[in-house]
Amino acid sequence: MTTEVGNVPERGAALAVDKPAGPTSHDIVTWARRSVGVRRIGHTGTLDPFASGLLILLIGPATRLSEYVSGLPKVYSARALLGVSTDTDDARGQAVETGSSRRMPARAEVEEELSRFLGQIQQVPPQFSAKKIDGEPMYKKARRGEVVDLAPVDVEISRIQVTEFNPPEVTFEVACSGGTYIRALARDLGERLGVGAHLTGLRRLSVGNITVEHAMPGGDLREGYVPTPAQWLDPVEAVGHLRAVRVPGESARRFRYGESVSLPEADLEAGPPIAVLDDMGLVGIGEVRDERLAPRKVLVGLPAS
């Protein structure tokens, strides 16, 4: 791949960032824009300011892939304080209820209640959340003292287990579908145990197949360090969960210009989106229409600086 702006690959890139606790997800984007010198940068899933861990940024043309990354399964390490509920379901809020009248539950009780979250469940979003009601984020309504009767949403918990138990604190790891509120899990755990609870710490460990272990420290972006070529993730990695089809040069060129192409040797069936590759990497995202590969998103290269 050639580089057109700074050292950003021509078709854009993904960047795994280890967000520190404190700044907002938008702060990380602002730091990246300043460091990289590219305005077109976005993240693929908000982390609350108090949370840390993996935040995936998409840069340049790769920002078009956001919808295929934001909903990926995620893994978190979460810490909850048993015995106190708050109005925000986390440590930033005001205490609204305590469970001091009931004894602190044993580890086995906590593990049993956590296991009940496994599978497809319905979850009521927190009142303080970015979920929009009538075009306005819930947290703005909550700050004004408005309480909205929120409908439960379907989420899936594929794994949840206690990793540390130091009463009244419990740390658990959870693998879940995109859109799951970990604060709501802590809240609901406290309700099931009859003692109340709220989230006191949260760290995102992975998004899809991308993990936090080799992510660029967010503080490096704040200090102005530019990601090295080795730190960029090819856009193909960001959509590695999709089926991939490689197309020859002329077909790839036509696909990038918005044309449907025929691939007689490929087993094309209507279904989920397809990652379309040429010899240079990801061309875009396609779908099968009338037995031809039609473009849904194409990656147009960065302009030369």
C-alpha atoms as a PDB file:
ATOM      1  CA  MET A   1       0.000   0.000   0.000  1.00  0.00           C
ATOM      2  CA  THR A   2       1.229   3.485  -0.795  1.00  0.00           C
ATOM      3  CA  THR A   3       0.930   6.280   1.740  1.00  0.00           C
ATOM      4  CA  GLU A   4      -0.593   9.583   0.729  1.00  0.00           C
ATOM      5  CA  VAL A   5      -1.090  11.559   3.964  1.00  0.00           C
ATOM      6  CA  GLY A   6       1.543  11.189   6.676  1.00  0.00           C
ATOM      7  CA  ASN A   7       2.134   7.467   6.882  1.00  0.00           C
ATOM      8  CA  VAL A   8      -1.542   6.494   6.534  1.00  0.00           C
ATOM      9  CA  PRO A   9      -2.114   3.761   3.925  1.00  0.00           C
ATOM     10  CA  GLU A  10      -3.857   5.052   0.823  1.00  0.00           C
ATOM     11  CA  ARG A  11      -7.064   3.119   1.442  1.00  0.00           C
ATOM     12  CA  GLY A  12      -7.105   4.075   5.084  1.00  0.00           C
ATOM     13  CA  ALA A  13      -6.468   1.951   8.147  1.00  0.00           C
ATOM     14  CA  ALA A  14      -7.709   0.878  11.536  1.00  0.00           C
ATOM     15  CA  LEU A  15      -5.841   1.722  14.718  1.00  0.00           C
ATOM     16  CA  ALA A  16      -6.244  -0.156  17.996  1.00  0.00           C
ATOM     17  CA  VAL A  17      -5.888   2.304  20.884  1.00  0.00           C
ATOM     18  CA  ASP A  18      -5.667   1.508  24.592  1.00  0.00           C
ATOM     19  CA  LYS A  19      -7.824   4.295  25.980  1.00  0.00           C
ATOM     20  CA  PRO A  20      -6.907   5.421  29.490  1.00  0.00           C
ATOM     21  CA  ALA A  21      -9.586   6.132  32.084  1.00  0.00           C
ATOM     22  CA  GLY A  22     -10.555   9.810  32.152  1.00  0.00           C
ATOM     23  CA  PRO A  23     -10.758  11.169  28.607  1.00  0.00           C
ATOM     24  CA  THR A  24     -13.800  10.677  26.408  1.00  0.00           C
ATOM     25  CA  SER A  25     -13.751   8.553  23.274  1.00  0.00           C
ATOM     26  CA  HIS A  26     -14.035  11.796  21.269  1.00  0.00           C
ATOM     27  CA  ASP A  27     -10.910  13.088  23.051  1.00  0.00           C
ATOM     28  CA  ILE A  28      -9.021  10.097  21.652  1.00  0.00           C
ATOM     29  CA  VAL A  29     -10.281  10.914  18.153  1.00  0.00           C
ATOM     30  CA  THR A  30      -9.171  14.545  18.579  1.00  0.00           C
ATOM     31  CA  TRP A  31      -5.688  13.456  19.678  1.00  0.00           C
ATOM     32  CA  ALA A  32      -5.446  11.094  16.713  1.00  0.00           C
ATOM     33  CA  ARG A  33      -6.484  13.778  14.218  1.00  0.00           C
ATOM     34  CA  ARG A  34      -3.789  16.082  15.566  1.00  0.00           C
ATOM     35  CA  SER A  35      -1.086  13.401  15.618  1.00  0.00           C
ATOM     36  CA  VAL A  36      -1.878  11.765  12.305  1.00  0.00           C
ATOM     37  CA  GLY A  37      -2.748  14.916  10.384  1.00  0.00           C
ATOM     38  CA  VAL A  38      -5.976  13.458   8.969  1.00  0.00           C
ATOM     39  CA  ARG A  39      -9.357  14.934   9.779  1.00  0.00           C
ATOM     40  CA  ARG A  40     -11.390  11.935   8.689  1.00  0.00           C
ATOM     41  CA  ILE A  41     -11.117   9.732  11.780  1.00  0.00           C
ATOM     42  CA  GLY A  42     -13.850   8.110  13.838  1.00  0.00           C
ATOM     43  CA  HIS A  43     -14.214   5.490  16.563  1.00  0.00           C
ATOM     44  CA  THR A  44     -16.350   2.368  16.334  1.00  0.00           C
ATOM     45  CA  GLY A  45     -17.955   2.202  19.751  1.00  0.00           C
ATOM     46  CA  THR A  46     -17.974   4.662  22.644  1.00  0.00           C
ATOM     47  CA  LEU A  47     -16.218   3.880  25.904  1.00  0.00           C
ATOM     48  CA  ASP A  48     -17.423   5.899  28.900  1.00  0.00           C
ATOM     49  CA  PRO A  49     -14.831   8.363  30.258  1.00  0.00           C
ATOM     50  CA  PHE A  50     -14.215   6.286  33.406  1.00  0.00           C
ATOM     51  CA  ALA A  51     -13.599   3.144  31.304  1.00  0.00           C
ATOM     52  CA  SER A  52     -10.312   2.075  29.753  1.00  0.00           C
ATOM     53  CA  GLY A  53      -9.246  -0.386  27.106  1.00  0.00           C
ATOM     54  CA  LEU A  54      -9.661  -1.094  23.437  1.00  0.00           C
ATOM     55  CA  LEU A  55     -11.018   1.660  21.209  1.00  0.00           C
ATOM     56  CA  ILE A  56     -10.807   0.988  17.482  1.00  0.00           C
ATOM     57  CA  LEU A  57     -10.304   4.037  15.294  1.00  0.00           C
ATOM     58  CA  LEU A  58     -10.940   4.041  11.562  1.00  0.00           C
ATOM     59  CA  ILE A  59      -8.867   6.460   9.510  1.00  0.00           C
ATOM     60  CA  GLY A  60      -9.453   7.970   6.078  1.00  0.00           C
ATOM     61  CA  PRO A  61     -11.453   5.855   3.615  1.00  0.00           C
ATOM     62  CA  ALA A  62     -11.719   3.068   6.209  1.00  0.00           C
ATOM     63  CA  THR A  63     -14.223   5.172   8.182  1.00  0.00           C
ATOM     64  CA  ARG A  64     -16.793   3.795   5.733  1.00  0.00           C
ATOM     65  CA  LEU A  65     -16.446   0.431   7.482  1.00  0.00           C
ATOM     66  CA  SER A  66     -17.780   1.641  10.836  1.00  0.00           C
ATOM     67  CA  GLU A  67     -21.144  -0.132  10.599  1.00  0.00           C
ATOM     68  CA  TYR A  68     -19.376  -3.478  10.089  1.00  0.00           C
ATOM     69  CA  VAL A  69     -17.182  -3.057  13.186  1.00  0.00           C
ATOM     70  CA  SER A  70     -19.319  -1.283  15.793  1.00  0.00           C
ATOM     71  CA  GLY A  71     -21.668  -4.228  16.310  1.00  0.00           C
ATOM     72  CA  LEU A  72     -18.981  -6.878  16.795  1.00  0.00           C
ATOM     73  CA  PRO A  73     -18.929  -8.996  19.992  1.00  0.00           C
ATOM     74  CA  LYS A  74     -16.852  -7.546  22.805  1.00  0.00           C
ATOM     75  CA  VAL A  75     -15.077  -8.758  25.944  1.00  0.00           C
ATOM     76  CA  TYR A  76     -14.852  -6.654  29.111  1.00  0.00           C
ATOM     77  CA  SER A  77     -13.365  -6.883  32.570  1.00  0.00           C
ATOM     78  CA  ALA A  78     -15.747  -5.183  34.990  1.00  0.00           C
ATOM     79  CA  ARG A  79     -15.600  -4.361  38.694  1.00  0.00           C
ATOM     80  CA  ALA A  80     -18.777  -3.810  40.714  1.00  0.00           C
ATOM     81  CA  LEU A  81     -19.363  -2.629  44.264  1.00  0.00           C
ATOM     82  CA  LEU A  82     -22.065  -4.617  46.027  1.00  0.00           C
ATOM     83  CA  GLY A  83     -24.305  -2.974  48.608  1.00  0.00           C
ATOM     84  CA  VAL A  84     -24.920   0.408  46.951  1.00  0.00           C
ATOM     85  CA  SER A  85     -26.919   1.425  43.875  1.00  0.00           C
ATOM     86  CA  THR A  86     -26.464   4.766  42.110  1.00  0.00           C
ATOM     87  CA  ASP A  87     -28.613   6.812  39.744  1.00  0.00           C
ATOM     88  CA  THR A  88     -26.075   6.356  36.928  1.00  0.00           C
ATOM     89  CA  ASP A  89     -25.382   2.661  37.699  1.00  0.00           C
ATOM     90  CA  ASP A  90     -21.689   3.562  38.078  1.00  0.00           C
ATOM     91  CA  ALA A  91     -19.378   5.382  40.495  1.00  0.00           C
ATOM     92  CA  ARG A  92     -20.059   8.806  38.955  1.00  0.00           C
ATOM     93  CA  GLY A  93     -23.619   8.878  40.245  1.00  0.00           C
ATOM     94  CA  GLN A  94     -25.362   9.580  43.537  1.00  0.00           C
ATOM     95  CA  ALA A  95     -26.208   6.724  45.876  1.00  0.00           C
ATOM     96  CA  VAL A  96     -29.909   5.961  45.686  1.00  0.00           C
ATOM     97  CA  GLU A  97     -30.151   2.700  47.597  1.00  0.00           C
ATOM     98  CA  THR A  98     -28.054   0.512  49.880  1.00  0.00           C
ATOM     99  CA  GLY A  99     -28.361  -3.148  50.664  1.00  0.00           C
ATOM    100  CA  SER A 100     -26.894  -2.985  54.146  1.00  0.00           C
ATOM    101  CA  SER A 101     -29.960  -4.619  55.670  1.00  0.00           C
ATOM    102  CA  ARG A 102     -29.041  -7.912  53.988  1.00  0.00           C
ATOM    103  CA  ARG A 103     -25.814  -9.797  54.542  1.00  0.00           C
ATOM    104  CA  MET A 104     -23.164  -9.592  51.841  1.00  0.00           C
ATOM    105  CA  PRO A 105     -23.573 -12.553  49.466  1.00  0.00           C
ATOM    106  CA  ALA A 106     -20.944 -15.288  49.206  1.00  0.00           C
ATOM    107  CA  ARG A 107     -18.950 -15.861  46.034  1.00  0.00           C
ATOM    108  CA  ALA A 108     -21.050 -18.886  45.124  1.00  0.00           C
ATOM    109  CA  GLU A 109     -24.228 -16.761  45.240  1.00  0.00           C
ATOM    110  CA  VAL A 110     -22.671 -14.121  43.006  1.00  0.00           C
ATOM    111  CA  GLU A 111     -21.486 -16.753  40.521  1.00  0.00           C
ATOM    112  CA  GLU A 112     -24.929 -18.363  40.437  1.00  0.00           C
ATOM    113  CA  GLU A 113     -26.685 -15.074  39.707  1.00  0.00           C
ATOM    114  CA  LEU A 114     -24.134 -14.113  37.051  1.00  0.00           C
ATOM    115  CA  SER A 115     -24.696 -17.446  35.313  1.00  0.00           C
ATOM    116  CA  ARG A 116     -28.366 -16.532  34.895  1.00  0.00           C
ATOM    117  CA  PHE A 117     -27.325 -13.788  32.469  1.00  0.00           C
ATOM    118  CA  LEU A 118     -25.942 -16.321  29.985  1.00  0.00           C
ATOM    119  CA  GLY A 119     -27.599 -16.525  26.579  1.00  0.00           C
ATOM    120  CA  GLN A 120     -30.128 -14.211  24.984  1.00  0.00           C
ATOM    121  CA  ILE A 121     -31.482 -11.798  27.573  1.00  0.00           C
ATOM    122  CA  GLN A 122     -33.475  -8.592  27.656  1.00  0.00           C
ATOM    123  CA  GLN A 123     -31.756  -5.628  29.222  1.00  0.00           C
ATOM    124  CA  VAL A 124     -33.165  -2.227  30.171  1.00  0.00           C
ATOM    125  CA  PRO A 125     -30.617   0.475  29.201  1.00  0.00           C
ATOM    126  CA  PRO A 126     -29.399   2.813  31.982  1.00  0.00           C
ATOM    127  CA  GLN A 127     -31.160   6.158  32.329  1.00  0.00           C
ATOM    128  CA  PHE A 128     -27.734   7.786  31.922  1.00  0.00           C
ATOM    129  CA  SER A 129     -26.761   6.452  28.497  1.00  0.00           C
ATOM    130  CA  ALA A 130     -26.096   7.641  24.952  1.00  0.00           C
ATOM    131  CA  LYS A 131     -29.253   5.903  23.742  1.00  0.00           C
ATOM    132  CA  LYS A 132     -31.348   8.490  21.902  1.00  0.00           C
ATOM    133  CA  ILE A 133     -35.005   9.155  22.689  1.00  0.00           C
ATOM    134  CA  ASP A 134     -36.745  11.594  20.335  1.00  0.00           C
ATOM    135  CA  GLY A 135     -33.349  12.488  18.913  1.00  0.00           C
ATOM    136  CA  GLU A 136     -31.787  13.375  22.275  1.00  0.00           C
ATOM    137  CA  PRO A 137     -29.301  11.242  24.254  1.00  0.00           C
ATOM    138  CA  MET A 138     -30.824   9.802  27.421  1.00  0.00           C
ATOM    139  CA  TYR A 139     -28.109  11.233  29.657  1.00  0.00           C
ATOM    140  CA  LYS A 140     -29.214  14.784  28.784  1.00  0.00           C
ATOM    141  CA  LYS A 141     -32.767  13.996  29.834  1.00  0.00           C
ATOM    142  CA  ALA A 142     -31.510  12.278  33.001  1.00  0.00           C
ATOM    143  CA  ARG A 143     -29.426  15.327  33.943  1.00  0.00           C
ATOM    144  CA  ARG A 144     -32.613  17.392  33.844  1.00  0.00           C
ATOM    145  CA  GLY A 145     -34.241  14.929  36.208  1.00  0.00           C
ATOM    146  CA  GLU A 146     -36.421  13.320  33.558  1.00  0.00           C
ATOM    147  CA  VAL A 147     -37.076   9.600  33.945  1.00  0.00           C
ATOM    148  CA  VAL A 148     -38.001   7.724  30.772  1.00  0.00           C
ATOM    149  CA  ASP A 149     -39.675   4.326  30.707  1.00  0.00           C
ATOM    150  CA  LEU A 150     -37.162   2.543  28.476  1.00  0.00           C
ATOM    151  CA  ALA A 151     -38.062  -0.607  26.598  1.00  0.00           C
ATOM    152  CA  PRO A 152     -35.735  -3.576  27.141  1.00  0.00           C
ATOM    153  CA  VAL A 153     -33.398  -4.535  24.310  1.00  0.00           C
ATOM    154  CA  ASP A 154     -32.181  -7.981  23.284  1.00  0.00           C
ATOM    155  CA  VAL A 155     -28.511  -8.707  23.989  1.00  0.00           C
ATOM    156  CA  GLU A 156     -26.484 -11.896  24.214  1.00  0.00           C
ATOM    157  CA  ILE A 157     -24.012 -12.952  26.900  1.00  0.00           C
ATOM    158  CA  SER A 158     -21.810 -15.805  25.687  1.00  0.00           C
ATOM    159  CA  ARG A 159     -19.509 -15.958  28.724  1.00  0.00           C
ATOM    160  CA  ILE A 160     -19.523 -14.383  32.188  1.00  0.00           C
ATOM    161  CA  GLN A 161     -17.408 -15.389  35.169  1.00  0.00           C
ATOM    162  CA  VAL A 162     -16.039 -14.044  38.445  1.00  0.00           C
ATOM    163  CA  THR A 163     -12.297 -13.367  38.258  1.00  0.00           C
ATOM    164  CA  GLU A 164     -11.829 -11.730  41.680  1.00  0.00           C
ATOM    165  CA  PHE A 165     -13.990 -11.658  44.778  1.00  0.00           C
ATOM    166  CA  ASN A 166     -13.069  -9.246  47.545  1.00  0.00           C
ATOM    167  CA  PRO A 167     -16.362  -8.305  49.221  1.00  0.00           C
ATOM    168  CA  PRO A 168     -17.950  -5.880  48.776  1.00  0.00           C
ATOM    169  CA  GLU A 169     -16.173  -5.762  45.388  1.00  0.00           C
ATOM    170  CA  VAL A 170     -16.515  -8.362  42.661  1.00  0.00           C
ATOM    171  CA  THR A 171     -14.628  -8.405  39.364  1.00  0.00           C
ATOM    172  CA  PHE A 172     -16.057 -10.354  36.453  1.00  0.00           C
ATOM    173  CA  GLU A 173     -15.213 -10.897  32.802  1.00  0.00           C
ATOM    174  CA  VAL A 174     -17.989 -10.881  30.235  1.00  0.00           C
ATOM    175  CA  ALA A 175     -18.128 -11.701  26.531  1.00  0.00           C
ATOM    176  CA  CYS A 176     -21.196 -10.130  24.993  1.00  0.00           C
ATOM    177  CA  SER A 177     -22.892  -8.843  21.878  1.00  0.00           C
ATOM    178  CA  GLY A 178     -22.471  -5.282  20.703  1.00  0.00           C
ATOM    179  CA  GLY A 179     -24.868  -2.906  22.424  1.00  0.00           C
ATOM    180  CA  THR A 180     -24.673  -4.594  25.832  1.00  0.00           C
ATOM    181  CA  TYR A 181     -24.534  -2.189  28.796  1.00  0.00           C
ATOM    182  CA  ILE A 182     -22.123  -3.508  31.406  1.00  0.00           C
ATOM    183  CA  ARG A 183     -23.411  -0.922  33.892  1.00  0.00           C
ATOM    184  CA  ALA A 184     -26.839  -2.504  33.512  1.00  0.00           C
ATOM    185  CA  LEU A 185     -25.359  -5.935  34.247  1.00  0.00           C
ATOM    186  CA  ALA A 186     -23.871  -4.601  37.501  1.00  0.00           C
ATOM    187  CA  ARG A 187     -27.186  -2.936  38.367  1.00  0.00           C
ATOM    188  CA  ASP A 188     -29.195  -6.079  37.639  1.00  0.00           C
ATOM    189  CA  LEU A 189     -26.732  -8.284  39.529  1.00  0.00           C
ATOM    190  CA  GLY A 190     -27.214  -6.121  42.625  1.00  0.00           C
ATOM    191  CA  GLU A 191     -30.990  -6.319  42.263  1.00  0.00           C
ATOM    192  CA  ARG A 192     -30.939 -10.103  41.916  1.00  0.00           C
ATOM    193  CA  LEU A 193     -28.745 -10.426  45.000  1.00  0.00           C
ATOM    194  CA  GLY A 194     -30.981  -8.041  46.925  1.00  0.00           C
ATOM    195  CA  VAL A 195     -28.136  -5.751  47.977  1.00  0.00           C
ATOM    196  CA  GLY A 196     -27.858  -3.255  45.118  1.00  0.00           C
ATOM    197  CA  ALA A 197     -24.672  -2.684  43.121  1.00  0.00           C
ATOM    198  CA  HIS A 198     -22.987  -0.291  40.729  1.00  0.00           C
ATOM    199  CA  LEU A 199     -20.046  -0.423  38.329  1.00  0.00           C
ATOM    200  CA  THR A 200     -16.764   0.976  39.660  1.00  0.00           C
ATOM    201  CA  GLY A 201     -14.356  -0.072  36.911  1.00  0.00           C
ATOM    202  CA  LEU A 202     -14.516  -1.182  33.286  1.00  0.00           C
ATOM    203  CA  ARG A 203     -11.893  -2.245  30.773  1.00  0.00           C
ATOM    204  CA  ARG A 204     -12.599  -3.385  27.210  1.00  0.00           C
ATOM    205  CA  LEU A 205     -10.330  -6.303  26.316  1.00  0.00           C
ATOM    206  CA  SER A 206     -11.363  -7.084  22.743  1.00  0.00           C
ATOM    207  CA  VAL A 207     -13.633  -6.204  19.838  1.00  0.00           C
ATOM    208  CA  GLY A 208     -14.173  -9.101  17.451  1.00  0.00           C
ATOM    209  CA  ASN A 209     -10.735 -10.628  16.863  1.00  0.00           C
ATOM    210  CA  ILE A 210      -8.833  -7.447  17.774  1.00  0.00           C
ATOM    211  CA  THR A 211      -7.424  -7.385  21.321  1.00  0.00           C
ATOM    212  CA  VAL A 212      -6.002  -4.656  23.540  1.00  0.00           C
ATOM    213  CA  GLU A 213      -2.640  -6.352  24.148  1.00  0.00           C
ATOM    214  CA  HIS A 214      -0.833  -4.687  21.236  1.00  0.00           C
ATOM    215  CA  ALA A 215      -2.912  -1.503  21.084  1.00  0.00           C
ATOM    216  CA  MET A 216      -1.222   1.903  20.922  1.00  0.00           C
ATOM    217  CA  PRO A 217      -1.362   3.672  24.318  1.00  0.00           C
ATOM    218  CA  GLY A 218      -3.829   6.549  24.150  1.00  0.00           C
ATOM    219  CA  GLY A 219      -1.347   8.730  26.008  1.00  0.00           C
ATOM    220  CA  ASP A 220       1.052   8.432  23.052  1.00  0.00           C
ATOM    221  CA  LEU A 221      -1.544  10.034  20.787  1.00  0.00           C
ATOM    222  CA  ARG A 222      -2.069  12.791  23.344  1.00  0.00           C
ATOM    223  CA  GLU A 223       1.675  13.483  23.289  1.00  0.00           C
ATOM    224  CA  GLY A 224       1.643  13.716  19.508  1.00  0.00           C
ATOM    225  CA  TYR A 225       3.311  10.436  18.598  1.00  0.00           C
ATOM    226  CA  VAL A 226       2.416   9.273  15.102  1.00  0.00           C
ATOM    227  CA  PRO A 227       1.569   5.561  14.759  1.00  0.00           C
ATOM    228  CA  THR A 228       4.320   3.572  13.107  1.00  0.00           C
ATOM    229  CA  PRO A 229       3.525   1.596   9.945  1.00  0.00           C
ATOM    230  CA  ALA A 230       3.543  -1.557  12.073  1.00  0.00           C
ATOM    231  CA  GLN A 231       0.773  -0.154  14.296  1.00  0.00           C
ATOM    232  CA  TRP A 232      -1.703   0.408  11.479  1.00  0.00           C
ATOM    233  CA  LEU A 233      -4.188  -2.396  11.011  1.00  0.00           C
ATOM    234  CA  ASP A 234      -5.115  -3.170   7.435  1.00  0.00           C
ATOM    235  CA  PRO A 235      -8.829  -2.465   6.854  1.00  0.00           C
ATOM    236  CA  VAL A 236      -9.119  -6.175   6.015  1.00  0.00           C
ATOM    237  CA  GLU A 237      -8.414  -6.961   9.681  1.00  0.00           C
ATOM    238  CA  ALA A 238     -11.240  -4.700  10.816  1.00  0.00           C
ATOM    239  CA  VAL A 239     -13.733  -6.727   8.765  1.00  0.00           C
ATOM    240  CA  GLY A 240     -12.042 -10.093   9.224  1.00  0.00           C
ATOM    241  CA  HIS A 241     -15.332 -11.568  10.409  1.00  0.00           C
ATOM    242  CA  LEU A 242     -16.836 -11.172   6.941  1.00  0.00           C
ATOM    243  CA  ARG A 243     -16.467 -13.640   4.106  1.00  0.00           C
ATOM    244  CA  ALA A 244     -13.756 -12.420   1.720  1.00  0.00           C
ATOM    245  CA  VAL A 245     -13.685 -12.648  -2.066  1.00  0.00           C
ATOM    246  CA  ARG A 246     -10.674 -11.684  -4.188  1.00  0.00           C
ATOM    247  CA  VAL A 247     -11.409 -10.065  -7.543  1.00  0.00           C
ATOM    248  CA  PRO A 248      -9.051  -9.586 -10.524  1.00  0.00           C
ATOM    249  CA  GLY A 249      -7.688  -6.168 -11.458  1.00  0.00           C
ATOM    250  CA  GLU A 250     -10.218  -4.984 -14.050  1.00  0.00           C
ATOM    251  CA  SER A 251     -13.178  -6.237 -12.029  1.00  0.00           C
ATOM    252  CA  ALA A 252     -11.773  -4.521  -8.937  1.00  0.00           C
ATOM    253  CA  ARG A 253     -11.464  -1.236 -10.841  1.00  0.00           C
ATOM    254  CA  ARG A 254     -15.057  -1.461 -12.035  1.00  0.00           C
ATOM    255  CA  PHE A 255     -16.256  -2.385  -8.538  1.00  0.00           C
ATOM    256  CA  ARG A 256     -14.541   0.710  -7.101  1.00  0.00           C
ATOM    257  CA  TYR A 257     -16.389   2.830  -9.652  1.00  0.00           C
ATOM    258  CA  GLY A 258     -19.729   1.461  -8.493  1.00  0.00           C
ATOM    259  CA  GLU A 259     -20.337  -1.287 -11.027  1.00  0.00           C
ATOM    260  CA  SER A 260     -21.590  -4.785 -10.307  1.00  0.00           C
ATOM    261  CA  VAL A 261     -19.187  -7.471 -11.463  1.00  0.00           C
ATOM    262  CA  SER A 262     -19.534 -11.096 -12.462  1.00  0.00           C
ATOM    263  CA  LEU A 263     -17.280 -13.680 -10.813  1.00  0.00           C
ATOM    264  CA  PRO A 264     -18.038 -17.011 -12.523  1.00  0.00           C
ATOM    265  CA  GLU A 265     -15.488 -18.929 -10.425  1.00  0.00           C
ATOM    266  CA  ALA A 266     -16.748 -17.638  -7.081  1.00  0.00           C
ATOM    267  CA  ASP A 267     -19.551 -19.304  -5.163  1.00  0.00           C
ATOM    268  CA  LEU A 268     -21.800 -16.265  -4.839  1.00  0.00           C
ATOM    269  CA  GLU A 269     -24.991 -16.591  -2.858  1.00  0.00           C
ATOM    270  CA  ALA A 270     -27.211 -13.881  -1.459  1.00  0.00           C
ATOM    271  CA  GLY A 271     -26.567 -13.336   2.231  1.00  0.00           C
ATOM    272  CA  PRO A 272     -24.284 -11.353   4.545  1.00  0.00           C
ATOM    273  CA  PRO A 273     -22.001  -8.591   3.250  1.00  0.00           C
ATOM    274  CA  ILE A 274     -18.752  -9.681   1.577  1.00  0.00           C
ATOM    275  CA  ALA A 275     -15.271  -8.153   1.944  1.00  0.00           C
ATOM    276  CA  VAL A 276     -13.961  -7.540  -1.578  1.00  0.00           C
ATOM    277  CA  LEU A 277     -10.177  -7.645  -2.064  1.00  0.00           C
ATOM    278  CA  ASP A 278      -7.740  -7.039  -4.886  1.00  0.00           C
ATOM    279  CA  ASP A 279      -3.946  -7.407  -4.937  1.00  0.00           C
ATOM    280  CA  MET A 280      -3.565  -4.182  -2.898  1.00  0.00           C
ATOM    281  CA  GLY A 281      -5.971  -5.143  -0.120  1.00  0.00           C
ATOM    282  CA  LEU A 282      -9.558  -4.235   0.678  1.00  0.00           C
ATOM    283  CA  VAL A 283     -11.516  -2.633  -2.169  1.00  0.00           C
ATOM    284  CA  GLY A 284     -14.802  -2.360  -0.312  1.00  0.00           C
ATOM    285  CA  ILE A 285     -17.854  -4.236   0.895  1.00  0.00           C
ATOM    286  CA  GLY A 286     -20.187  -5.948  -1.539  1.00  0.00           C
ATOM    287  CA  GLU A 287     -23.366  -7.957  -1.659  1.00  0.00           C
ATOM    288  CA  VAL A 288     -24.822 -10.436  -4.116  1.00  0.00           C
ATOM    289  CA  ARG A 289     -27.562  -9.076  -6.365  1.00  0.00           C
ATOM    290  CA  ASP A 290     -28.875 -11.068  -9.310  1.00  0.00           C
ATOM    291  CA  GLU A 291     -25.880 -13.418  -9.099  1.00  0.00           C
ATOM    292  CA  ARG A 292     -23.442 -10.504  -9.432  1.00  0.00           C
ATOM    293  CA  LEU A 293     -21.221  -8.826  -6.837  1.00  0.00           C
ATOM    294  CA  ALA A 294     -22.577  -5.320  -6.249  1.00  0.00           C
ATOM    295  CA  PRO A 295     -20.812  -2.602  -4.204  1.00  0.00           C
ATOM    296  CA  ARG A 296     -22.247  -1.412  -0.890  1.00  0.00           C
ATOM    297  CA  LYS A 297     -19.151   0.524   0.240  1.00  0.00           C
ATOM    298  CA  VAL A 298     -15.963   1.266  -1.659  1.00  0.00           C
ATOM    299  CA  LEU A 299     -12.690   2.646  -0.285  1.00  0.00           C
ATOM    300  CA  VAL A 300     -11.655   5.706  -2.266  1.00  0.00           C
ATOM    301  CA  GLY A 301      -7.987   6.554  -1.650  1.00  0.00           C
ATOM    302  CA  LEU A 302      -6.749   9.520   0.361  1.00  0.00           C
ATOM    303  CA  PRO A 303      -5.819  12.585  -1.695  1.00  0.00           C
ATOM    304  CA  ALA A 304      -2.131  13.281  -2.180  1.00  0.00           C
ATOM    305  CA  SER A 305      -0.779  15.923   0.191  1.00  0.00           C
END
